[in-house]
N, C-alpha and C. Protein backbone atom coordinates (compact mmCIF):
# COMPACT_ATOMS: atom_id res chain seq x y z
N UNK A 1 -15.04 16.24 -2.31
CA UNK A 1 -13.94 16.16 -1.77
C UNK A 1 -13.33 17.32 -2.39
N UNK A 2 -12.61 18.24 -1.30
CA UNK A 2 -11.89 19.45 -1.61
C UNK A 2 -10.34 19.02 -1.04
N UNK A 3 -9.56 19.28 -1.93
CA UNK A 3 -7.95 19.13 -1.52
C UNK A 3 -7.24 20.06 -2.40
N UNK A 4 -6.07 20.42 -2.17
CA UNK A 4 -5.21 21.15 -3.08
C UNK A 4 -4.43 20.28 -3.75
N UNK A 5 -3.89 21.02 -5.23
CA UNK A 5 -2.95 20.14 -6.01
C UNK A 5 -1.82 20.52 -5.68
N UNK A 6 -0.47 20.43 -6.57
CA UNK A 6 0.61 20.67 -6.46
C UNK A 6 0.89 21.92 -6.34
N UNK A 7 0.14 22.90 -6.83
CA UNK A 7 0.62 24.32 -7.01
C UNK A 7 -0.19 24.85 -5.96
N UNK A 8 -0.97 24.32 -5.11
CA UNK A 8 -1.78 24.84 -3.96
C UNK A 8 -3.11 25.63 -4.47
N UNK A 9 -3.71 25.09 -5.38
CA UNK A 9 -4.98 25.54 -6.04
C UNK A 9 -5.87 24.57 -5.33
N UNK A 10 -7.21 25.13 -5.08
CA UNK A 10 -8.25 24.01 -4.47
C UNK A 10 -8.97 23.48 -5.50
N UNK A 11 -9.02 22.11 -5.65
CA UNK A 11 -9.56 21.35 -6.68
C UNK A 11 -10.77 20.59 -5.97
N UNK A 12 -11.97 20.71 -6.51
CA UNK A 12 -13.06 19.92 -6.18
C UNK A 12 -13.34 18.55 -7.12
N UNK A 13 -13.52 17.46 -6.21
CA UNK A 13 -13.36 16.41 -7.03
C UNK A 13 -14.31 15.25 -6.21
N UNK A 14 -14.77 14.22 -6.97
CA UNK A 14 -15.57 13.38 -6.10
C UNK A 14 -14.92 11.67 -6.72
N UNK A 15 -15.55 10.77 -6.25
CA UNK A 15 -15.24 9.33 -6.45
C UNK A 15 -16.42 8.58 -6.37
N UNK A 16 -16.51 7.52 -7.30
CA UNK A 16 -17.48 6.54 -7.38
C UNK A 16 -17.21 5.40 -6.99
N UNK A 17 -17.47 5.03 -5.81
CA UNK A 17 -17.04 3.51 -5.40
C UNK A 17 -17.97 2.17 -6.09
N UNK A 18 -17.16 1.42 -6.57
CA UNK A 18 -17.90 0.25 -7.28
C UNK A 18 -17.83 -1.02 -6.35
N UNK A 19 -18.60 -1.96 -6.71
CA UNK A 19 -18.61 -3.30 -6.36
C UNK A 19 -19.04 -4.07 -7.30
N UNK A 20 -19.03 -5.48 -6.80
CA UNK A 20 -19.73 -6.36 -7.78
C UNK A 20 -21.32 -6.19 -8.06
N UNK A 21 -21.44 -6.79 -9.04
CA UNK A 21 -23.19 -6.26 -9.44
C UNK A 21 -23.94 -7.18 -8.80
N UNK A 22 -25.13 -6.86 -8.20
CA UNK A 22 -26.47 -7.54 -8.23
C UNK A 22 -27.11 -7.95 -9.32
N UNK A 23 -27.94 -8.99 -9.24
CA UNK A 23 -28.51 -9.90 -10.21
C UNK A 23 -28.78 -8.80 -11.35
N UNK A 24 -29.63 -7.79 -11.24
CA UNK A 24 -30.10 -6.76 -12.05
C UNK A 24 -29.17 -6.31 -13.20
N UNK A 25 -27.78 -5.65 -12.13
CA UNK A 25 -27.06 -5.02 -12.94
C UNK A 25 -26.01 -5.84 -13.72
N UNK A 26 -25.96 -7.05 -13.43
CA UNK A 26 -24.96 -7.99 -13.81
C UNK A 26 -25.48 -8.20 -15.45
N UNK A 27 -26.49 -8.34 -15.59
CA UNK A 27 -27.06 -8.47 -16.98
C UNK A 27 -26.28 -7.40 -18.16
N UNK A 28 -26.02 -6.40 -17.36
CA UNK A 28 -25.34 -5.24 -18.43
C UNK A 28 -24.21 -4.88 -18.09
N UNK A 29 -23.66 -5.13 -16.97
CA UNK A 29 -22.32 -4.58 -16.59
C UNK A 29 -21.74 -5.37 -15.55
N UNK A 30 -20.31 -5.60 -15.28
CA UNK A 30 -19.52 -6.40 -14.57
C UNK A 30 -19.25 -5.61 -13.03
N UNK A 31 -19.88 -4.47 -12.88
CA UNK A 31 -19.73 -3.62 -11.69
C UNK A 31 -20.69 -2.72 -11.59
N UNK A 32 -21.00 -2.08 -10.35
CA UNK A 32 -22.23 -1.05 -10.32
C UNK A 32 -21.60 -0.16 -8.98
N UNK A 33 -22.37 0.67 -8.67
CA UNK A 33 -22.01 1.83 -8.05
C UNK A 33 -22.38 1.33 -6.41
N UNK A 34 -21.39 1.73 -5.36
CA UNK A 34 -21.84 1.13 -4.04
C UNK A 34 -23.27 2.21 -3.93
N UNK A 35 -24.45 1.27 -3.40
CA UNK A 35 -25.54 2.15 -2.83
C UNK A 35 -25.68 2.05 -1.53
N UNK A 36 -25.34 2.89 -0.48
CA UNK A 36 -25.68 2.84 0.89
C UNK A 36 -27.23 2.83 1.37
N UNK A 37 -27.36 1.95 2.05
CA UNK A 37 -28.80 2.01 2.93
C UNK A 37 -28.85 3.24 3.72
N UNK A 38 -29.93 4.02 3.64
CA UNK A 38 -29.94 5.30 4.28
C UNK A 38 -29.64 5.34 5.77
N UNK A 39 -29.92 3.92 6.42
CA UNK A 39 -29.81 4.03 7.62
C UNK A 39 -28.38 3.67 8.11
N UNK A 40 -27.38 3.56 7.24
CA UNK A 40 -25.98 3.63 7.44
C UNK A 40 -25.17 4.68 7.03
N UNK A 41 -25.68 5.89 6.46
CA UNK A 41 -25.39 6.68 6.11
C UNK A 41 -24.29 7.49 7.23
N UNK A 42 -24.94 7.37 8.38
CA UNK A 42 -23.81 8.11 9.54
C UNK A 42 -22.88 7.13 9.84
N UNK A 43 -22.77 5.96 9.89
CA UNK A 43 -21.84 5.11 10.00
C UNK A 43 -20.91 5.32 8.87
N UNK A 44 -21.10 5.38 7.84
CA UNK A 44 -20.10 5.59 6.66
C UNK A 44 -19.31 6.93 7.01
N UNK A 45 -20.14 8.02 7.39
CA UNK A 45 -19.34 8.97 7.43
C UNK A 45 -18.70 9.38 8.86
N UNK A 46 -18.87 8.30 9.69
CA UNK A 46 -18.28 8.63 10.92
C UNK A 46 -16.67 8.51 10.85
N UNK A 47 -15.85 9.55 11.22
CA UNK A 47 -14.51 9.53 11.07
C UNK A 47 -13.75 8.55 12.00
N UNK A 48 -14.27 8.07 12.88
CA UNK A 48 -13.83 7.08 13.78
C UNK A 48 -13.74 5.59 13.04
N UNK A 49 -14.62 5.60 11.91
CA UNK A 49 -14.60 3.91 11.69
C UNK A 49 -13.76 3.57 11.24
N UNK A 50 -12.80 2.59 11.43
CA UNK A 50 -11.60 1.79 11.19
C UNK A 50 -12.07 0.42 10.93
N UNK A 51 -12.93 -0.35 11.50
CA UNK A 51 -12.86 -1.49 11.31
C UNK A 51 -13.25 -2.04 10.05
N UNK A 52 -12.23 -2.87 9.42
CA UNK A 52 -12.36 -2.96 7.85
C UNK A 52 -13.31 -3.69 7.48
N UNK A 53 -13.67 -4.88 8.69
CA UNK A 53 -14.92 -5.90 8.28
C UNK A 53 -16.26 -4.70 8.02
N UNK A 54 -16.32 -4.13 9.14
CA UNK A 54 -17.84 -3.19 9.04
C UNK A 54 -17.67 -2.39 7.61
N UNK A 55 -16.61 -1.75 7.21
CA UNK A 55 -16.73 -1.12 5.95
C UNK A 55 -16.82 -1.99 4.77
N UNK A 56 -16.33 -3.13 4.99
CA UNK A 56 -16.40 -4.06 3.91
C UNK A 56 -17.94 -4.47 3.74
N UNK A 57 -18.77 -4.50 4.93
CA UNK A 57 -20.16 -5.07 4.73
C UNK A 57 -20.80 -3.93 3.80
N UNK A 58 -20.26 -2.86 4.20
CA UNK A 58 -21.15 -1.66 3.44
C UNK A 58 -20.93 -1.43 2.10
N UNK A 59 -19.87 -2.02 1.32
CA UNK A 59 -19.64 -2.07 0.36
C UNK A 59 -20.40 -3.22 -0.42
N UNK A 60 -21.14 -4.01 0.10
CA UNK A 60 -21.88 -5.02 -0.52
C UNK A 60 -22.75 -4.43 -1.66
N UNK A 61 -23.19 -5.49 -2.76
CA UNK A 61 -24.18 -4.93 -3.68
C UNK A 61 -25.49 -4.70 -2.90
N UNK A 62 -26.15 -3.79 -3.38
CA UNK A 62 -27.43 -3.14 -3.18
C UNK A 62 -28.22 -4.34 -3.47
N UNK A 63 -29.20 -4.50 -2.58
CA UNK A 63 -30.34 -5.80 -2.66
C UNK A 63 -31.21 -5.67 -3.87
N UNK A 64 -30.97 -6.50 -4.76
CA UNK A 64 -31.63 -6.42 -6.42
C UNK A 64 -33.18 -6.56 -5.92
N UNK A 65 -33.67 -6.98 -4.86
CA UNK A 65 -35.12 -6.99 -4.90
C UNK A 65 -35.76 -5.64 -4.63
N UNK A 66 -34.64 -4.53 -3.98
CA UNK A 66 -35.38 -3.22 -3.77
C UNK A 66 -35.00 -2.45 -4.88
N UNK A 67 -34.68 -2.90 -6.03
CA UNK A 67 -34.47 -2.21 -7.47
C UNK A 67 -35.00 -2.74 -8.35
N UNK A 68 -35.08 -1.72 -9.25
CA UNK A 68 -35.83 -2.51 -11.06
C UNK A 68 -34.89 -1.65 -11.79
N UNK A 69 -34.33 -2.60 -12.76
CA UNK A 69 -33.55 -1.89 -14.10
C UNK A 69 -34.69 -1.62 -15.31
N UNK A 70 -34.30 -0.45 -15.77
CA UNK A 70 -34.77 -0.34 -17.18
C UNK A 70 -33.50 -0.16 -18.29
N UNK A 71 -33.85 -1.04 -19.32
CA UNK A 71 -32.86 -0.84 -20.34
C UNK A 71 -33.21 -0.13 -21.42
N UNK A 72 -32.41 0.96 -21.86
CA UNK A 72 -32.65 1.74 -23.16
C UNK A 72 -31.64 1.41 -24.10
N UNK A 73 -32.42 1.63 -25.22
CA UNK A 73 -31.17 1.37 -26.57
C UNK A 73 -31.13 2.91 -27.00
N UNK A 74 -30.10 3.65 -27.46
CA UNK A 74 -29.81 4.72 -27.77
C UNK A 74 -29.25 4.66 -29.44
N UNK A 75 -30.06 5.17 -30.10
CA UNK A 75 -29.77 5.17 -31.79
C UNK A 75 -29.00 6.45 -31.78
N UNK A 76 -27.78 6.32 -32.41
CA UNK A 76 -26.72 7.57 -32.53
C UNK A 76 -26.71 7.79 -34.32
N UNK A 77 -27.07 9.03 -34.66
CA UNK A 77 -27.12 9.19 -36.24
C UNK A 77 -25.72 9.11 -36.67
N UNK A 78 -25.57 8.85 -37.92
CA UNK A 78 -24.27 8.96 -38.73
C UNK A 78 -23.27 10.07 -38.52
N UNK A 79 -24.01 10.88 -37.94
CA UNK A 79 -23.17 12.33 -37.61
C UNK A 79 -22.60 12.18 -35.93
N UNK A 80 -22.97 11.26 -35.32
CA UNK A 80 -22.57 10.99 -34.04
C UNK A 80 -23.72 11.69 -32.99
N UNK A 81 -24.44 12.24 -33.30
CA UNK A 81 -25.44 13.13 -32.41
C UNK A 81 -26.71 12.13 -32.05
N UNK A 82 -27.16 12.21 -30.80
CA UNK A 82 -28.25 11.32 -30.41
C UNK A 82 -29.51 11.59 -31.36
N UNK A 83 -29.97 10.63 -32.05
CA UNK A 83 -31.31 11.10 -32.83
C UNK A 83 -32.68 10.28 -32.41
N UNK A 84 -32.27 9.08 -31.50
CA UNK A 84 -33.48 8.60 -30.89
C UNK A 84 -33.13 8.00 -29.68
N UNK A 85 -34.41 7.69 -28.73
CA UNK A 85 -34.19 7.35 -27.47
C UNK A 85 -35.65 6.40 -27.51
N UNK A 86 -35.42 5.00 -27.27
CA UNK A 86 -36.49 4.09 -27.36
C UNK A 86 -36.30 2.98 -26.10
N UNK A 87 -37.14 2.71 -25.68
CA UNK A 87 -37.05 1.56 -24.82
C UNK A 87 -37.09 0.26 -25.57
N UNK A 88 -36.10 -0.53 -25.63
CA UNK A 88 -36.00 -1.86 -26.32
C UNK A 88 -36.10 -3.09 -25.51
N UNK A 89 -37.02 -3.82 -25.87
CA UNK A 89 -37.48 -5.11 -24.85
C UNK A 89 -36.76 -6.24 -25.50
N UNK A 90 -36.36 -6.31 -26.98
CA UNK A 90 -35.97 -7.29 -27.54
C UNK A 90 -34.68 -7.25 -28.18
N UNK A 91 -34.18 -7.67 -29.24
CA UNK A 91 -33.07 -7.38 -29.83
C UNK A 91 -32.28 -6.08 -29.98
N UNK A 92 -31.10 -6.10 -30.13
CA UNK A 92 -30.32 -4.82 -30.27
C UNK A 92 -29.85 -4.64 -31.65
N UNK A 93 -30.27 -3.67 -32.38
CA UNK A 93 -29.64 -3.55 -33.71
C UNK A 93 -28.10 -2.98 -33.62
N UNK A 94 -27.77 -3.23 -34.72
CA UNK A 94 -26.12 -2.88 -34.83
C UNK A 94 -26.17 -1.25 -34.94
N UNK A 95 -25.15 -0.66 -34.34
CA UNK A 95 -25.07 0.73 -34.25
C UNK A 95 -25.86 1.41 -32.99
N UNK A 96 -26.37 0.33 -31.99
CA UNK A 96 -26.84 1.00 -30.66
C UNK A 96 -26.05 0.83 -29.60
N UNK A 97 -26.21 1.55 -28.68
CA UNK A 97 -25.54 1.31 -27.22
C UNK A 97 -26.63 1.25 -26.18
N UNK A 98 -26.22 0.40 -25.41
CA UNK A 98 -27.35 -0.04 -24.15
C UNK A 98 -26.79 0.60 -23.12
N UNK A 99 -27.84 1.60 -22.38
CA UNK A 99 -27.67 1.70 -21.28
C UNK A 99 -28.59 1.24 -20.10
N UNK A 100 -28.46 1.13 -18.89
CA UNK A 100 -29.09 0.73 -17.97
C UNK A 100 -29.38 1.76 -16.80
N UNK A 101 -30.52 1.86 -16.48
CA UNK A 101 -31.02 2.74 -15.20
C UNK A 101 -31.37 2.11 -14.12
N UNK A 102 -30.85 2.08 -13.04
CA UNK A 102 -30.86 1.29 -11.77
C UNK A 102 -31.88 2.21 -11.05
N UNK A 103 -33.27 1.93 -10.85
CA UNK A 103 -34.36 2.93 -10.38
C UNK A 103 -34.60 2.11 -8.91
N UNK A 104 -35.05 2.98 -8.06
CA UNK A 104 -35.85 2.48 -6.67
C UNK A 104 -37.20 2.25 -7.22
N UNK A 105 -37.72 1.12 -6.73
CA UNK A 105 -38.93 0.70 -6.83
C UNK A 105 -40.00 1.56 -6.31
């Protein structure tokens, strides 16, 4: 998005719309980015779209059956720098941060 701030300077920004999580994402977070089906791109970008019900339907969680989740454990060293990245399938050790990567099948 491009807009002018109070001083008249052009500013480039973007927004990430979030929605309730699907079953995969709900395991690690209470919301997820809105992911549009490619066949809905034109509808979403249509400036004439004003029907709130149609817009709301586009903001539903992405079908979890079409995605897979990989959870990674990040080990951060005592100096705060990333020291190790491993795929962790079992318990999480203290000092770790979990991140999830929602990937297309």
